[in-house]
């Protein structure tokens, strides 16, 4: 499991880090739950929605992935990783 740093971390950072750890070990349901907790802990951050999109892609759910990436883009002012994912899925046109 992920080792916590000696300095205190926010609930957002904790859940996001734990979600990434679960994602990297292909524990997608666990990762999704942790990313949801991170999103609830900071409703203004794009990162958990991007990672929820990645989980949905791994689960072969392109529609849910696109929804999550769209939210990440709206929260993160065109959050680049989410925009790239939307292009990869064919929801956005590639730039000329």
Protein backbone atom coordinates (compact mmCIF):
# COMPACT_ATOMS: atom_id res chain seq x y z
CA UNK A 1 0.00 0.00 0.00
CA UNK A 2 0.96 3.62 -0.40
CA UNK A 3 3.11 5.05 2.40
CA UNK A 4 1.99 8.40 3.72
CA UNK A 5 4.44 11.25 3.86
CA UNK A 6 5.43 12.65 7.23
CA UNK A 7 3.58 15.91 6.55
CA UNK A 8 -0.22 15.88 6.83
CA UNK A 9 -2.10 15.38 3.58
CA UNK A 10 -5.61 16.50 2.76
CA UNK A 11 -8.43 14.01 2.33
CA UNK A 12 -8.39 14.92 -1.36
CA UNK A 13 -4.69 14.10 -1.75
CA UNK A 14 -5.05 10.92 0.30
CA UNK A 15 -7.96 9.54 -1.73
CA UNK A 16 -6.42 10.56 -5.05
CA UNK A 17 -3.11 8.88 -4.17
CA UNK A 18 -4.85 5.74 -2.94
CA UNK A 19 -6.95 5.70 -6.12
CA UNK A 20 -3.84 5.93 -8.28
CA UNK A 21 -2.28 3.07 -6.33
CA UNK A 22 -5.39 0.93 -6.86
CA UNK A 23 -5.54 1.90 -10.57
CA UNK A 24 -1.89 0.93 -11.06
CA UNK A 25 -2.69 -2.49 -9.60
CA UNK A 26 -5.73 -2.96 -11.89
CA UNK A 27 -8.13 -2.69 -8.93
CA UNK A 28 -10.55 -0.61 -10.97
CA UNK A 29 -13.65 -0.78 -8.75
CA UNK A 30 -11.59 0.22 -5.72
CA UNK A 31 -9.89 2.99 -7.71
CA UNK A 32 -13.24 4.34 -8.89
CA UNK A 33 -14.56 4.52 -5.32
CA UNK A 34 -11.43 6.33 -4.14
CA UNK A 35 -11.51 8.81 -7.03
CA UNK A 36 -15.16 9.53 -6.20
CA UNK A 37 -14.16 10.27 -2.61
CA UNK A 38 -11.43 12.60 -3.85
CA UNK A 39 -13.93 14.40 -6.08
CA UNK A 40 -16.32 14.90 -3.16
CA UNK A 41 -13.48 16.26 -1.02
CA UNK A 42 -12.70 18.98 -3.56
CA UNK A 43 -15.45 19.65 -6.07
CA UNK A 44 -13.29 22.12 -8.00
CA UNK A 45 -10.52 19.70 -9.03
CA UNK A 46 -10.38 18.02 -12.43
CA UNK A 47 -7.94 15.22 -11.59
CA UNK A 48 -10.34 12.73 -9.96
CA UNK A 49 -12.77 13.06 -12.87
CA UNK A 50 -9.96 12.42 -15.34
CA UNK A 51 -8.95 9.29 -13.45
CA UNK A 52 -12.56 8.13 -13.20
CA UNK A 53 -12.59 8.44 -16.99
CA UNK A 54 -9.46 6.30 -17.21
CA UNK A 55 -11.13 3.65 -15.04
CA UNK A 56 -14.22 3.68 -17.26
CA UNK A 57 -12.03 3.28 -20.33
CA UNK A 58 -10.35 0.27 -18.74
CA UNK A 59 -13.83 -1.14 -18.08
CA UNK A 60 -14.68 -0.58 -21.79
CA UNK A 61 -17.36 2.03 -20.99
CA UNK A 62 -16.63 4.78 -23.50
CA UNK A 63 -19.79 6.76 -22.74
CA UNK A 64 -19.05 7.02 -19.01
CA UNK A 65 -15.41 7.75 -19.78
CA UNK A 66 -16.43 10.60 -22.08
CA UNK A 67 -18.75 11.99 -19.40
CA UNK A 68 -15.96 11.95 -16.81
CA UNK A 69 -13.45 13.51 -19.19
CA UNK A 70 -15.98 16.21 -20.10
CA UNK A 71 -16.42 17.10 -16.43
CA UNK A 72 -12.65 17.17 -15.98
CA UNK A 73 -12.36 19.56 -18.91
CA UNK A 74 -15.06 21.85 -17.55
CA UNK A 75 -13.54 21.91 -14.05
CA UNK A 76 -9.94 22.20 -15.23
CA UNK A 77 -10.44 24.82 -17.94
CA UNK A 78 -9.75 22.38 -20.77
CA UNK A 79 -7.58 20.11 -18.59
CA UNK A 80 -5.11 18.83 -21.18
CA UNK A 81 -5.04 15.11 -20.24
CA UNK A 82 -8.85 14.99 -20.40
CA UNK A 83 -8.90 16.85 -23.71
CA UNK A 84 -6.38 14.39 -25.15
CA UNK A 85 -8.51 11.48 -23.90
CA UNK A 86 -11.63 12.99 -25.52
CA UNK A 87 -9.74 13.22 -28.80
CA UNK A 88 -8.51 9.63 -28.44
CA UNK A 89 -12.11 8.47 -27.93
CA UNK A 90 -13.27 10.50 -30.93
CA UNK A 91 -15.42 12.96 -28.96
CA UNK A 92 -13.27 15.93 -30.03
CA UNK A 93 -11.73 16.62 -33.40
CA UNK A 94 -7.95 16.56 -33.62
CA UNK A 95 -6.41 19.98 -34.18
CA UNK A 96 -5.37 20.75 -37.74
